[in-house]
Amino acid sequence: MRIAGPVVSLMLSASLVALSGCASPQPVIAPVTRDVGDLQGETVELAVGQVLNIDTGDLAVDSYSGVVSEPSVARFTAGREEDGTTYNPGVEGLAQGTTKVVMSNADGGIQDVTFTVEVSG
């Protein structure tokens, strides 16, 4: 019966390890959606992992390109159409900080859209 103590201790440790694997997953962060025409000069607040979904209105989603001044803080993703699904352009918060984003339209004659993204941890 002297083995019972270590066996119970081992079983308890194994149970705790198994339960730690059942921890709830990271919460899903809803995207922020803005119209491209409303972004000029604005500041958009995002959390790390959160995405700014940019509605391009009547303009093609793939007509915009974007440059992020601090790529360690946020990443621009171009819009596209794929397998019958339309994906808007967007900006994803990667790390805490502030960065400027400049979006240009390939159709020409359309003013660049410049805005700030503030990412919180």
PDB file of N, CA and C in Angstrom:
ATOM      1  N   MET A   1       0.806  -1.210   0.000  1.00  0.00           N
ATOM      2  CA  MET A   1       0.000   0.000   0.000  1.00  0.00           C
ATOM      3  C   MET A   1       0.843   1.266   0.000  1.00  0.00           C
ATOM      4  N   ARG A   2       2.105   1.139   0.213  1.00  0.00           N
ATOM      5  CA  ARG A   2       2.960   2.317   0.202  1.00  0.00           C
ATOM      6  C   ARG A   2       3.045   2.910  -1.195  1.00  0.00           C
ATOM      7  N   ILE A   3       2.767   2.169  -2.247  1.00  0.00           N
ATOM      8  CA  ILE A   3       2.816   2.652  -3.619  1.00  0.00           C
ATOM      9  C   ILE A   3       1.618   3.549  -3.908  1.00  0.00           C
ATOM     10  N   ALA A   4       0.547   3.430  -3.168  1.00  0.00           N
ATOM     11  CA  ALA A   4      -0.676   4.186  -3.434  1.00  0.00           C
ATOM     12  C   ALA A   4      -0.429   5.692  -3.408  1.00  0.00           C
ATOM     13  N   GLY A   5       0.381   6.187  -2.480  1.00  0.00           N
ATOM     14  CA  GLY A   5       0.651   7.620  -2.399  1.00  0.00           C
ATOM     15  C   GLY A   5       1.261   8.165  -3.683  1.00  0.00           C
ATOM     16  N   PRO A   6       2.365   7.567  -4.179  1.00  0.00           N
ATOM     17  CA  PRO A   6       2.951   8.053  -5.427  1.00  0.00           C
ATOM     18  C   PRO A   6       2.025   7.871  -6.626  1.00  0.00           C
ATOM     19  N   VAL A   7       1.240   6.793  -6.640  1.00  0.00           N
ATOM     20  CA  VAL A   7       0.326   6.556  -7.760  1.00  0.00           C
ATOM     21  C   VAL A   7      -0.755   7.628  -7.783  1.00  0.00           C
ATOM     22  N   VAL A   8      -1.322   7.924  -6.622  1.00  0.00           N
ATOM     23  CA  VAL A   8      -2.351   8.965  -6.550  1.00  0.00           C
ATOM     24  C   VAL A   8      -1.764  10.308  -6.957  1.00  0.00           C
ATOM     25  N   SER A   9      -0.564  10.594  -6.503  1.00  0.00           N
ATOM     26  CA  SER A   9       0.095  11.848  -6.853  1.00  0.00           C
ATOM     27  C   SER A   9       0.333  11.930  -8.362  1.00  0.00           C
ATOM     28  N   LEU A  10       0.773  10.825  -8.964  1.00  0.00           N
ATOM     29  CA  LEU A  10       1.012  10.782 -10.404  1.00  0.00           C
ATOM     30  C   LEU A  10      -0.293  10.965 -11.166  1.00  0.00           C
ATOM     31  N   MET A  11      -1.361  10.314 -10.706  1.00  0.00           N
ATOM     32  CA  MET A  11      -2.658  10.436 -11.375  1.00  0.00           C
ATOM     33  C   MET A  11      -3.177  11.868 -11.280  1.00  0.00           C
ATOM     34  N   LEU A  12      -3.004  12.500 -10.132  1.00  0.00           N
ATOM     35  CA  LEU A  12      -3.437  13.883  -9.949  1.00  0.00           C
ATOM     36  C   LEU A  12      -2.658  14.813 -10.878  1.00  0.00           C
ATOM     37  N   SER A  13      -1.352  14.595 -10.980  1.00  0.00           N
ATOM     38  CA  SER A  13      -0.538  15.417 -11.880  1.00  0.00           C
ATOM     39  C   SER A  13      -0.970  15.247 -13.323  1.00  0.00           C
ATOM     40  N   ALA A  14      -1.230  14.010 -13.735  1.00  0.00           N
ATOM     41  CA  ALA A  14      -1.669  13.747 -15.110  1.00  0.00           C
ATOM     42  C   ALA A  14      -3.017  14.407 -15.381  1.00  0.00           C
ATOM     43  N   SER A  15      -3.901  14.380 -14.393  1.00  0.00           N
ATOM     44  CA  SER A  15      -5.220  15.013 -14.562  1.00  0.00           C
ATOM     45  C   SER A  15      -5.082  16.520 -14.730  1.00  0.00           C
ATOM     46  N   LEU A  16      -4.207  17.140 -13.946  1.00  0.00           N
ATOM     47  CA  LEU A  16      -4.012  18.583 -14.057  1.00  0.00           C
ATOM     48  C   LEU A  16      -3.428  18.958 -15.412  1.00  0.00           C
ATOM     49  N   VAL A  17      -2.489  18.159 -15.913  1.00  0.00           N
ATOM     50  CA  VAL A  17      -1.917  18.419 -17.233  1.00  0.00           C
ATOM     51  C   VAL A  17      -2.999  18.296 -18.291  1.00  0.00           C
ATOM     52  N   ALA A  18      -3.838  17.277 -18.201  1.00  0.00           N
ATOM     53  CA  ALA A  18      -4.910  17.078 -19.176  1.00  0.00           C
ATOM     54  C   ALA A  18      -5.902  18.225 -19.137  1.00  0.00           C
ATOM     55  N   LEU A  19      -6.229  18.681 -17.939  1.00  0.00           N
ATOM     56  CA  LEU A  19      -7.179  19.795 -17.819  1.00  0.00           C
ATOM     57  C   LEU A  19      -6.607  21.095 -18.351  1.00  0.00           C
ATOM     58  N   SER A  20      -5.314  21.295 -18.220  1.00  0.00           N
ATOM     59  CA  SER A  20      -4.724  22.534 -18.729  1.00  0.00           C
ATOM     60  C   SER A  20      -4.830  22.597 -20.251  1.00  0.00           C
ATOM     61  N   GLY A  21      -4.890  21.446 -20.907  1.00  0.00           N
ATOM     62  CA  GLY A  21      -5.078  21.412 -22.350  1.00  0.00           C
ATOM     63  C   GLY A  21      -6.496  21.760 -22.758  1.00  0.00           C
ATOM     64  N   CYS A  22      -7.424  21.770 -21.809  1.00  0.00           N
ATOM     65  CA  CYS A  22      -8.818  22.067 -22.094  1.00  0.00           C
ATOM     66  C   CYS A  22      -9.158  23.538 -21.849  1.00  0.00           C
ATOM     67  N   ALA A  23      -8.154  24.337 -21.636  1.00  0.00           N
ATOM     68  CA  ALA A  23      -8.397  25.759 -21.391  1.00  0.00           C
ATOM     69  C   ALA A  23      -9.160  26.353 -22.567  1.00  0.00           C
ATOM     70  N   SER A  24      -9.999  27.324 -22.279  1.00  0.00           N
ATOM     71  CA  SER A  24     -10.817  27.912 -23.341  1.00  0.00           C
ATOM     72  C   SER A  24      -9.931  28.577 -24.382  1.00  0.00           C
ATOM     73  N   PRO A  25     -10.334  28.503 -25.658  1.00  0.00           N
ATOM     74  CA  PRO A  25      -9.531  29.117 -26.724  1.00  0.00           C
ATOM     75  C   PRO A  25      -9.554  30.633 -26.617  1.00  0.00           C
ATOM     76  N   GLN A  26      -8.627  31.264 -27.334  1.00  0.00           N
ATOM     77  CA  GLN A  26      -8.576  32.726 -27.350  1.00  0.00           C
ATOM     78  C   GLN A  26      -9.900  33.261 -27.897  1.00  0.00           C
ATOM     79  N   PRO A  27     -10.407  34.331 -27.326  1.00  0.00           N
ATOM     80  CA  PRO A  27     -11.670  34.884 -27.816  1.00  0.00           C
ATOM     81  C   PRO A  27     -11.513  35.407 -29.243  1.00  0.00           C
ATOM     82  N   VAL A  28     -12.578  35.279 -30.004  1.00  0.00           N
ATOM     83  CA  VAL A  28     -12.580  35.793 -31.368  1.00  0.00           C
ATOM     84  C   VAL A  28     -12.839  37.294 -31.304  1.00  0.00           C
ATOM     85  N   ILE A  29     -12.017  38.053 -32.004  1.00  0.00           N
ATOM     86  CA  ILE A  29     -12.159  39.513 -32.012  1.00  0.00           C
ATOM     87  C   ILE A  29     -12.866  39.894 -33.302  1.00  0.00           C
ATOM     88  N   ALA A  30     -14.007  40.516 -33.178  1.00  0.00           N
ATOM     89  CA  ALA A  30     -14.784  40.913 -34.347  1.00  0.00           C
ATOM     90  C   ALA A  30     -14.033  41.966 -35.156  1.00  0.00           C
ATOM     91  N   PRO A  31     -14.125  41.880 -36.479  1.00  0.00           N
ATOM     92  CA  PRO A  31     -13.470  42.903 -37.295  1.00  0.00           C
ATOM     93  C   PRO A  31     -14.178  44.248 -37.166  1.00  0.00           C
ATOM     94  N   VAL A  32     -13.454  45.306 -37.481  1.00  0.00           N
ATOM     95  CA  VAL A  32     -14.009  46.662 -37.551  1.00  0.00           C
ATOM     96  C   VAL A  32     -14.227  46.940 -39.031  1.00  0.00           C
ATOM     97  N   THR A  33     -15.427  47.350 -39.429  1.00  0.00           N
ATOM     98  CA  THR A  33     -15.694  47.642 -40.834  1.00  0.00           C
ATOM     99  C   THR A  33     -15.895  49.133 -41.020  1.00  0.00           C
ATOM    100  N   ARG A  34     -15.186  49.688 -42.002  1.00  0.00           N
ATOM    101  CA  ARG A  34     -15.305  51.115 -42.338  1.00  0.00           C
ATOM    102  C   ARG A  34     -15.383  51.254 -43.845  1.00  0.00           C
ATOM    103  N   ASP A  35     -16.100  52.272 -44.306  1.00  0.00           N
ATOM    104  CA  ASP A  35     -16.120  52.621 -45.719  1.00  0.00           C
ATOM    105  C   ASP A  35     -14.817  53.342 -46.044  1.00  0.00           C
ATOM    106  N   VAL A  36     -14.247  53.052 -47.209  1.00  0.00           N
ATOM    107  CA  VAL A  36     -12.991  53.678 -47.600  1.00  0.00           C
ATOM    108  C   VAL A  36     -13.112  55.202 -47.615  1.00  0.00           C
ATOM    109  N   GLY A  37     -14.266  55.721 -47.998  1.00  0.00           N
ATOM    110  CA  GLY A  37     -14.467  57.169 -48.053  1.00  0.00           C
ATOM    111  C   GLY A  37     -14.502  57.840 -46.697  1.00  0.00           C
ATOM    112  N   ASP A  38     -14.654  57.059 -45.630  1.00  0.00           N
ATOM    113  CA  ASP A  38     -14.704  57.611 -44.275  1.00  0.00           C
ATOM    114  C   ASP A  38     -13.366  57.519 -43.545  1.00  0.00           C
ATOM    115  N   LEU A  39     -12.350  56.961 -44.179  1.00  0.00           N
ATOM    116  CA  LEU A  39     -11.068  56.740 -43.499  1.00  0.00           C
ATOM    117  C   LEU A  39     -10.093  57.907 -43.578  1.00  0.00           C
ATOM    118  N   GLN A  40     -10.237  58.776 -44.565  1.00  0.00           N
ATOM    119  CA  GLN A  40      -9.273  59.857 -44.779  1.00  0.00           C
ATOM    120  C   GLN A  40      -9.035  60.662 -43.501  1.00  0.00           C
ATOM    121  N   GLY A  41      -7.787  60.675 -43.017  1.00  0.00           N
ATOM    122  CA  GLY A  41      -7.410  61.458 -41.844  1.00  0.00           C
ATOM    123  C   GLY A  41      -7.873  60.892 -40.517  1.00  0.00           C
ATOM    124  N   GLU A  42      -8.522  59.761 -40.515  1.00  0.00           N
ATOM    125  CA  GLU A  42      -9.064  59.182 -39.284  1.00  0.00           C
ATOM    126  C   GLU A  42      -8.036  58.305 -38.574  1.00  0.00           C
ATOM    127  N   THR A  43      -8.332  57.981 -37.325  1.00  0.00           N
ATOM    128  CA  THR A  43      -7.558  57.019 -36.549  1.00  0.00           C
ATOM    129  C   THR A  43      -8.472  55.842 -36.238  1.00  0.00           C
ATOM    130  N   VAL A  44      -8.003  54.652 -36.562  1.00  0.00           N
ATOM    131  CA  VAL A  44      -8.760  53.426 -36.312  1.00  0.00           C
ATOM    132  C   VAL A  44      -8.045  52.665 -35.210  1.00  0.00           C
ATOM    133  N   GLU A  45      -8.789  52.291 -34.193  1.00  0.00           N
ATOM    134  CA  GLU A  45      -8.213  51.536 -33.080  1.00  0.00           C
ATOM    135  C   GLU A  45      -8.494  50.055 -33.278  1.00  0.00           C
ATOM    136  N   LEU A  46      -7.434  49.254 -33.198  1.00  0.00           N
ATOM    137  CA  LEU A  46      -7.532  47.810 -33.317  1.00  0.00           C
ATOM    138  C   LEU A  46      -6.803  47.159 -32.151  1.00  0.00           C
ATOM    139  N   ALA A  47      -7.204  45.948 -31.836  1.00  0.00           N
ATOM    140  CA  ALA A  47      -6.459  45.124 -30.886  1.00  0.00           C
ATOM    141  C   ALA A  47      -5.529  44.228 -31.692  1.00  0.00           C
ATOM    142  N   VAL A  48      -4.510  43.693 -31.052  1.00  0.00           N
ATOM    143  CA  VAL A  48      -3.634  42.742 -31.726  1.00  0.00           C
ATOM    144  C   VAL A  48      -4.506  41.583 -32.211  1.00  0.00           C
ATOM    145  N   GLY A  49      -4.381  41.254 -33.490  1.00  0.00           N
ATOM    146  CA  GLY A  49      -5.167  40.180 -34.079  1.00  0.00           C
ATOM    147  C   GLY A  49      -6.481  40.635 -34.695  1.00  0.00           C
ATOM    148  N   GLN A  50      -6.876  41.855 -34.443  1.00  0.00           N
ATOM    149  CA  GLN A  50      -8.123  42.380 -34.993  1.00  0.00           C
ATOM    150  C   GLN A  50      -7.878  42.938 -36.391  1.00  0.00           C
ATOM    151  N   VAL A  51      -8.912  42.898 -37.226  1.00  0.00           N
ATOM    152  CA  VAL A  51      -8.789  43.311 -38.616  1.00  0.00           C
ATOM    153  C   VAL A  51      -9.726  44.472 -38.911  1.00  0.00           C
ATOM    154  N   LEU A  52      -9.223  45.429 -39.672  1.00  0.00           N
ATOM    155  CA  LEU A  52     -10.039  46.498 -40.240  1.00  0.00           C
ATOM    156  C   LEU A  52     -10.473  46.020 -41.617  1.00  0.00           C
ATOM    157  N   ASN A  53     -11.774  45.832 -41.806  1.00  0.00           N
ATOM    158  CA  ASN A  53     -12.365  45.412 -43.068  1.00  0.00           C
ATOM    159  C   ASN A  53     -12.795  46.679 -43.805  1.00  0.00           C
ATOM    160  N   ILE A  54     -12.233  46.917 -44.998  1.00  0.00           N
ATOM    161  CA  ILE A  54     -12.466  48.176 -45.703  1.00  0.00           C
ATOM    162  C   ILE A  54     -13.438  47.962 -46.856  1.00  0.00           C
ATOM    163  N   ASP A  55     -14.613  48.566 -46.740  1.00  0.00           N
ATOM    164  CA  ASP A  55     -15.645  48.485 -47.774  1.00  0.00           C
ATOM    165  C   ASP A  55     -15.311  49.500 -48.862  1.00  0.00           C
ATOM    166  N   THR A  56     -15.090  49.023 -50.085  1.00  0.00           N
ATOM    167  CA  THR A  56     -14.692  49.902 -51.188  1.00  0.00           C
ATOM    168  C   THR A  56     -15.886  50.445 -51.975  1.00  0.00           C
ATOM    169  N   GLY A  57     -17.085  50.140 -51.546  1.00  0.00           N
ATOM    170  CA  GLY A  57     -18.280  50.666 -52.219  1.00  0.00           C
ATOM    171  C   GLY A  57     -18.387  50.175 -53.644  1.00  0.00           C
ATOM    172  N   ASP A  58     -18.545  51.118 -54.595  1.00  0.00           N
ATOM    173  CA  ASP A  58     -18.708  50.772 -56.008  1.00  0.00           C
ATOM    174  C   ASP A  58     -17.393  50.443 -56.710  1.00  0.00           C
ATOM    175  N   LEU A  59     -16.276  50.697 -56.053  1.00  0.00           N
ATOM    176  CA  LEU A  59     -14.978  50.439 -56.674  1.00  0.00           C
ATOM    177  C   LEU A  59     -14.563  48.981 -56.448  1.00  0.00           C
ATOM    178  N   ALA A  60     -13.855  48.435 -57.409  1.00  0.00           N
ATOM    179  CA  ALA A  60     -13.413  47.043 -57.313  1.00  0.00           C
ATOM    180  C   ALA A  60     -12.541  46.841 -56.079  1.00  0.00           C
ATOM    181  N   VAL A  61     -12.758  45.740 -55.366  1.00  0.00           N
ATOM    182  CA  VAL A  61     -11.991  45.472 -54.142  1.00  0.00           C
ATOM    183  C   VAL A  61     -10.510  45.289 -54.420  1.00  0.00           C
ATOM    184  N   ASP A  62     -10.177  44.857 -55.636  1.00  0.00           N
ATOM    185  CA  ASP A  62      -8.768  44.631 -55.958  1.00  0.00           C
ATOM    186  C   ASP A  62      -8.098  45.847 -56.599  1.00  0.00           C
ATOM    187  N   SER A  63      -8.802  46.985 -56.631  1.00  0.00           N
ATOM    188  CA  SER A  63      -8.223  48.190 -57.235  1.00  0.00           C
ATOM    189  C   SER A  63      -7.372  48.992 -56.251  1.00  0.00           C
ATOM    190  N   TYR A  64      -7.377  48.615 -54.979  1.00  0.00           N
ATOM    191  CA  TYR A  64      -6.604  49.332 -53.968  1.00  0.00           C
ATOM    192  C   TYR A  64      -5.346  48.574 -53.591  1.00  0.00           C
ATOM    193  N   SER A  65      -4.260  49.321 -53.427  1.00  0.00           N
ATOM    194  CA  SER A  65      -3.036  48.795 -52.831  1.00  0.00           C
ATOM    195  C   SER A  65      -2.801  49.603 -51.562  1.00  0.00           C
ATOM    196  N   GLY A  66      -1.976  49.093 -50.685  1.00  0.00           N
ATOM    197  CA  GLY A  66      -1.738  49.808 -49.434  1.00  0.00           C
ATOM    198  C   GLY A  66      -0.309  49.688 -48.965  1.00  0.00           C
ATOM    199  N   VAL A  67       0.158  50.741 -48.310  1.00  0.00           N
ATOM    200  CA  VAL A  67       1.496  50.752 -47.724  1.00  0.00           C
ATOM    201  C   VAL A  67       1.337  51.109 -46.250  1.00  0.00           C
ATOM    202  N   VAL A  68       1.917  50.284 -45.394  1.00  0.00           N
ATOM    203  CA  VAL A  68       1.907  50.507 -43.948  1.00  0.00           C
ATOM    204  C   VAL A  68       3.301  50.984 -43.559  1.00  0.00           C
ATOM    205  N   SER A  69       3.389  52.133 -42.889  1.00  0.00           N
ATOM    206  CA  SER A  69       4.707  52.689 -42.571  1.00  0.00           C
ATOM    207  C   SER A  69       5.462  51.874 -41.517  1.00  0.00           C
ATOM    208  N   GLU A  70       4.769  51.203 -40.633  1.00  0.00           N
ATOM    209  CA  GLU A  70       5.398  50.357 -39.611  1.00  0.00           C
ATOM    210  C   GLU A  70       4.867  48.929 -39.757  1.00  0.00           C
ATOM    211  N   PRO A  71       5.466  48.124 -40.649  1.00  0.00           N
ATOM    212  CA  PRO A  71       4.951  46.781 -40.908  1.00  0.00           C
ATOM    213  C   PRO A  71       5.009  45.829 -39.714  1.00  0.00           C
ATOM    214  N   SER A  72       5.733  46.183 -38.668  1.00  0.00           N
ATOM    215  CA  SER A  72       5.727  45.343 -37.474  1.00  0.00           C
ATOM    216  C   SER A  72       4.461  45.570 -36.645  1.00  0.00           C
ATOM    217  N   VAL A  73       3.771  46.689 -36.888  1.00  0.00           N
ATOM    218  CA  VAL A  73       2.561  47.036 -36.134  1.00  0.00           C
ATOM    219  C   VAL A  73       1.298  46.539 -36.839  1.00  0.00           C
ATOM    220  N   ALA A  74       1.245  46.654 -38.160  1.00  0.00           N
ATOM    221  CA  ALA A  74       0.043  46.267 -38.899  1.00  0.00           C
ATOM    222  C   ALA A  74       0.425  45.797 -40.296  1.00  0.00           C
ATOM    223  N   ARG A  75      -0.484  45.040 -40.912  1.00  0.00           N
ATOM    224  CA  ARG A  75      -0.253  44.506 -42.254  1.00  0.00           C
ATOM    225  C   ARG A  75      -1.466  44.789 -43.129  1.00  0.00           C
ATOM    226  N   PHE A  76      -1.220  45.310 -44.340  1.00  0.00           N
ATOM    227  CA  PHE A  76      -2.282  45.539 -45.319  1.00  0.00           C
ATOM    228  C   PHE A  76      -2.471  44.271 -46.144  1.00  0.00           C
ATOM    229  N   THR A  77      -3.728  43.922 -46.382  1.00  0.00           N
ATOM    230  CA  THR A  77      -4.053  42.794 -47.243  1.00  0.00           C
ATOM    231  C   THR A  77      -4.945  43.311 -48.359  1.00  0.00           C
ATOM    232  N   ALA A  78      -4.528  43.077 -49.595  1.00  0.00           N
ATOM    233  CA  ALA A  78      -5.296  43.547 -50.747  1.00  0.00           C
ATOM    234  C   ALA A  78      -6.604  42.774 -50.879  1.00  0.00           C
ATOM    235  N   GLY A  79      -7.606  43.445 -51.421  1.00  0.00           N
ATOM    236  CA  GLY A  79      -8.869  42.785 -51.699  1.00  0.00           C
ATOM    237  C   GLY A  79      -8.727  41.882 -52.913  1.00  0.00           C
ATOM    238  N   ARG A  80      -9.648  40.927 -53.025  1.00  0.00           N
ATOM    239  CA  ARG A  80      -9.592  39.997 -54.151  1.00  0.00           C
ATOM    240  C   ARG A  80     -10.936  39.294 -54.308  1.00  0.00           C
ATOM    241  N   GLU A  81     -11.101  38.697 -55.471  1.00  0.00           N
ATOM    242  CA  GLU A  81     -12.240  37.818 -55.706  1.00  0.00           C
ATOM    243  C   GLU A  81     -11.672  36.444 -55.981  1.00  0.00           C
ATOM    244  N   GLU A  82     -12.200  35.461 -55.257  1.00  0.00           N
ATOM    245  CA  GLU A  82     -11.660  34.111 -55.355  1.00  0.00           C
ATOM    246  C   GLU A  82     -12.785  33.097 -55.238  1.00  0.00           C
ATOM    247  N   ASP A  83     -12.914  32.245 -56.227  1.00  0.00           N
ATOM    248  CA  ASP A  83     -13.932  31.185 -56.224  1.00  0.00           C
ATOM    249  C   ASP A  83     -15.330  31.722 -55.933  1.00  0.00           C
ATOM    250  N   GLY A  84     -15.655  32.858 -56.531  1.00  0.00           N
ATOM    251  CA  GLY A  84     -16.991  33.427 -56.371  1.00  0.00           C
ATOM    252  C   GLY A  84     -17.196  34.200 -55.078  1.00  0.00           C
ATOM    253  N   THR A  85     -16.164  34.351 -54.277  1.00  0.00           N
ATOM    254  CA  THR A  85     -16.262  35.082 -53.015  1.00  0.00           C
ATOM    255  C   THR A  85     -15.440  36.361 -53.118  1.00  0.00           C
ATOM    256  N   THR A  86     -15.999  37.461 -52.602  1.00  0.00           N
ATOM    257  CA  THR A  86     -15.316  38.750 -52.619  1.00  0.00           C
ATOM    258  C   THR A  86     -14.732  39.029 -51.244  1.00  0.00           C
ATOM    259  N   TYR A  87     -13.444  39.345 -51.210  1.00  0.00           N
ATOM    260  CA  TYR A  87     -12.750  39.689 -49.970  1.00  0.00           C
ATOM    261  C   TYR A  87     -12.335  41.155 -50.051  1.00  0.00           C
ATOM    262  N   ASN A  88     -12.797  41.962 -49.113  1.00  0.00           N
ATOM    263  CA  ASN A  88     -12.430  43.374 -49.061  1.00  0.00           C
ATOM    264  C   ASN A  88     -10.969  43.530 -48.660  1.00  0.00           C
ATOM    265  N   PRO A  89     -10.347  44.658 -49.037  1.00  0.00           N
ATOM    266  CA  PRO A  89      -9.016  44.927 -48.502  1.00  0.00           C
ATOM    267  C   PRO A  89      -9.114  45.148 -46.997  1.00  0.00           C
ATOM    268  N   GLY A  90      -7.996  44.994 -46.317  1.00  0.00           N
ATOM    269  CA  GLY A  90      -8.034  45.169 -44.871  1.00  0.00           C
ATOM    270  C   GLY A  90      -6.667  45.446 -44.280  1.00  0.00           C
ATOM    271  N   VAL A  91      -6.688  45.747 -43.006  1.00  0.00           N
ATOM    272  CA  VAL A  91      -5.471  45.976 -42.233  1.00  0.00           C
ATOM    273  C   VAL A  91      -5.603  45.170 -40.954  1.00  0.00           C
ATOM    274  N   GLU A  92      -4.580  44.373 -40.648  1.00  0.00           N
ATOM    275  CA  GLU A  92      -4.583  43.549 -39.444  1.00  0.00           C
ATOM    276  C   GLU A  92      -3.603  44.112 -38.427  1.00  0.00           C
ATOM    277  N   GLY A  93      -4.048  44.243 -37.176  1.00  0.00           N
ATOM    278  CA  GLY A  93      -3.173  44.665 -36.092  1.00  0.00           C
ATOM    279  C   GLY A  93      -2.257  43.522 -35.685  1.00  0.00           C
ATOM    280  N   LEU A  94      -0.948  43.754 -35.746  1.00  0.00           N
ATOM    281  CA  LEU A  94       0.027  42.705 -35.427  1.00  0.00           C
ATOM    282  C   LEU A  94       0.681  42.867 -34.062  1.00  0.00           C
ATOM    283  N   ALA A  95       0.969  44.103 -33.679  1.00  0.00           N
ATOM    284  CA  ALA A  95       1.653  44.362 -32.409  1.00  0.00           C
ATOM    285  C   ALA A  95       1.283  45.758 -31.924  1.00  0.00           C
ATOM    286  N   GLN A  96       1.407  45.973 -30.647  1.00  0.00           N
ATOM    287  CA  GLN A  96       1.064  47.264 -30.065  1.00  0.00           C
ATOM    288  C   GLN A  96       1.898  48.375 -30.696  1.00  0.00           C
ATOM    289  N   GLY A  97       1.227  49.470 -31.041  1.00  0.00           N
ATOM    290  CA  GLY A  97       1.908  50.610 -31.633  1.00  0.00           C
ATOM    291  C   GLY A  97       0.990  51.406 -32.530  1.00  0.00           C
ATOM    292  N   THR A  98       1.554  52.374 -33.215  1.00  0.00           N
ATOM    293  CA  THR A  98       0.808  53.262 -34.105  1.00  0.00           C
ATOM    294  C   THR A  98       1.513  53.303 -35.450  1.00  0.00           C
ATOM    295  N   THR A  99       0.727  53.295 -36.516  1.00  0.00           N
ATOM    296  CA  THR A  99       1.303  53.353 -37.855  1.00  0.00           C
ATOM    297  C   THR A  99       0.379  54.096 -38.803  1.00  0.00           C
ATOM    298  N   LYS A 100       0.985  54.638 -39.837  1.00  0.00           N
ATOM    299  CA  LYS A 100       0.220  55.314 -40.883  1.00  0.00           C
ATOM    300  C   LYS A 100      -0.010  54.320 -42.019  1.00  0.00           C
ATOM    301  N   VAL A 101      -1.202  54.389 -42.630  1.00  0.00           N
ATOM    302  CA  VAL A 101      -1.537  53.547 -43.774  1.00  0.00           C
ATOM    303  C   VAL A 101      -1.928  54.472 -44.927  1.00  0.00           C
ATOM    304  N   VAL A 102      -1.371  54.209 -46.102  1.00  0.00           N
ATOM    305  CA  VAL A 102      -1.723  54.966 -47.300  1.00  0.00           C
ATOM    306  C   VAL A 102      -2.260  53.969 -48.326  1.00  0.00           C
ATOM    307  N   MET A 103      -3.511  54.182 -48.738  1.00  0.00           N
ATOM    308  CA  MET A 103      -4.123  53.345 -49.765  1.00  0.00           C
ATOM    309  C   MET A 103      -4.229  54.132 -51.056  1.00  0.00           C
ATOM    310  N   SER A 104      -3.827  53.490 -52.149  1.00  0.00           N
ATOM    311  CA  SER A 104      -3.903  54.098 -53.473  1.00  0.00           C
ATOM    312  C   SER A 104      -4.817  53.249 -54.336  1.00  0.00           C
ATOM    313  N   ASN A 105      -5.480  53.911 -55.306  1.00  0.00           N
ATOM    314  CA  ASN A 105      -6.382  53.195 -56.190  1.00  0.00           C
ATOM    315  C   ASN A 105      -5.787  53.124 -57.588  1.00  0.00           C
ATOM    316  N   ALA A 106      -5.769  51.925 -58.151  1.00  0.00           N
ATOM    317  CA  ALA A 106      -5.181  51.681 -59.463  1.00  0.00           C
ATOM    318  C   ALA A 106      -5.967  52.338 -60.589  1.00  0.00           C
ATOM    319  N   ASP A 107      -7.226  52.724 -60.333  1.00  0.00           N
ATOM    320  CA  ASP A 107      -8.057  53.303 -61.380  1.00  0.00           C
ATOM    321  C   ASP A 107      -7.642  54.730 -61.728  1.00  0.00           C
ATOM    322  N   GLY A 108      -6.763  55.331 -60.954  1.00  0.00           N
ATOM    323  CA  GLY A 108      -6.258  56.679 -61.234  1.00  0.00           C
ATOM    324  C   GLY A 108      -7.299  57.755 -61.012  1.00  0.00           C
ATOM    325  N   GLY A 109      -6.838  58.939 -60.757  1.00  0.00           N
ATOM    326  CA  GLY A 109      -7.733  60.061 -60.539  1.00  0.00           C
ATOM    327  C   GLY A 109      -8.409  60.049 -59.181  1.00  0.00           C
ATOM    328  N   ILE A 110      -8.126  59.035 -58.388  1.00  0.00           N
ATOM    329  CA  ILE A 110      -8.729  58.934 -57.059  1.00  0.00           C
ATOM    330  C   ILE A 110      -7.645  59.272 -56.043  1.00  0.00           C
ATOM    331  N   GLN A 111      -7.962  60.188 -55.140  1.00  0.00           N
ATOM    332  CA  GLN A 111      -7.013  60.635 -54.127  1.00  0.00           C
ATOM    333  C   GLN A 111      -6.612  59.478 -53.212  1.00  0.00           C
ATOM    334  N   ASP A 112      -5.322  59.439 -52.835  1.00  0.00           N
ATOM    335  CA  ASP A 112      -4.873  58.457 -51.850  1.00  0.00           C
ATOM    336  C   ASP A 112      -5.658  58.644 -50.559  1.00  0.00           C
ATOM    337  N   VAL A 113      -5.865  57.553 -49.859  1.00  0.00           N
ATOM    338  CA  VAL A 113      -6.536  57.586 -48.560  1.00  0.00           C
ATOM    339  C   VAL A 113      -5.466  57.326 -47.508  1.00  0.00           C
ATOM    340  N   THR A 114      -5.271  58.295 -46.609  1.00  0.00           N
ATOM    341  CA  THR A 114      -4.255  58.186 -45.572  1.00  0.00           C
ATOM    342  C   THR A 114      -4.938  58.209 -44.213  1.00  0.00           C
ATOM    343  N   PHE A 115      -4.621  57.218 -43.390  1.00  0.00           N
ATOM    344  CA  PHE A 115      -5.207  57.153 -42.048  1.00  0.00           C
ATOM    345  C   PHE A 115      -4.220  56.497 -41.091  1.00  0.00           C
ATOM    346  N   THR A 116      -4.529  56.555 -39.824  1.00  0.00           N
ATOM    347  CA  THR A 116      -3.676  56.023 -38.772  1.00  0.00           C
ATOM    348  C   THR A 116      -4.336  54.815 -38.136  1.00  0.00           C
ATOM    349  N   VAL A 117      -3.529  53.812 -37.814  1.00  0.00           N
ATOM    350  CA  VAL A 117      -4.010  52.647 -37.086  1.00  0.00           C
ATOM    351  C   VAL A 117      -3.257  52.589 -35.760  1.00  0.00           C
ATOM    352  N   GLU A 118      -4.024  52.537 -34.670  1.00  0.00           N
ATOM    353  CA  GLU A 118      -3.450  52.373 -33.338  1.00  0.00           C
ATOM    354  C   GLU A 118      -3.798  50.976 -32.855  1.00  0.00           C
ATOM    355  N   VAL A 119      -2.773  50.183 -32.577  1.00  0.00           N
ATOM    356  CA  VAL A 119      -2.981  48.796 -32.138  1.00  0.00           C
ATOM    357  C   VAL A 119      -2.654  48.696 -30.662  1.00  0.00           C
ATOM    358  N   SER A 120      -3.593  48.165 -29.906  1.00  0.00           N
ATOM    359  CA  SER A 120      -3.380  47.970 -28.465  1.00  0.00           C
ATOM    360  C   SER A 120      -3.156  46.485 -28.205  1.00  0.00           C
ATOM    361  N   GLY A 121      -2.423  46.218 -27.123  1.00  0.00           N
ATOM    362  CA  GLY A 121      -2.088  44.834 -26.763  1.00  0.00           C
ATOM    363  C   GLY A 121      -3.232  44.184 -26.131  1.00  0.00           C
TER     364      GLY A 121
END
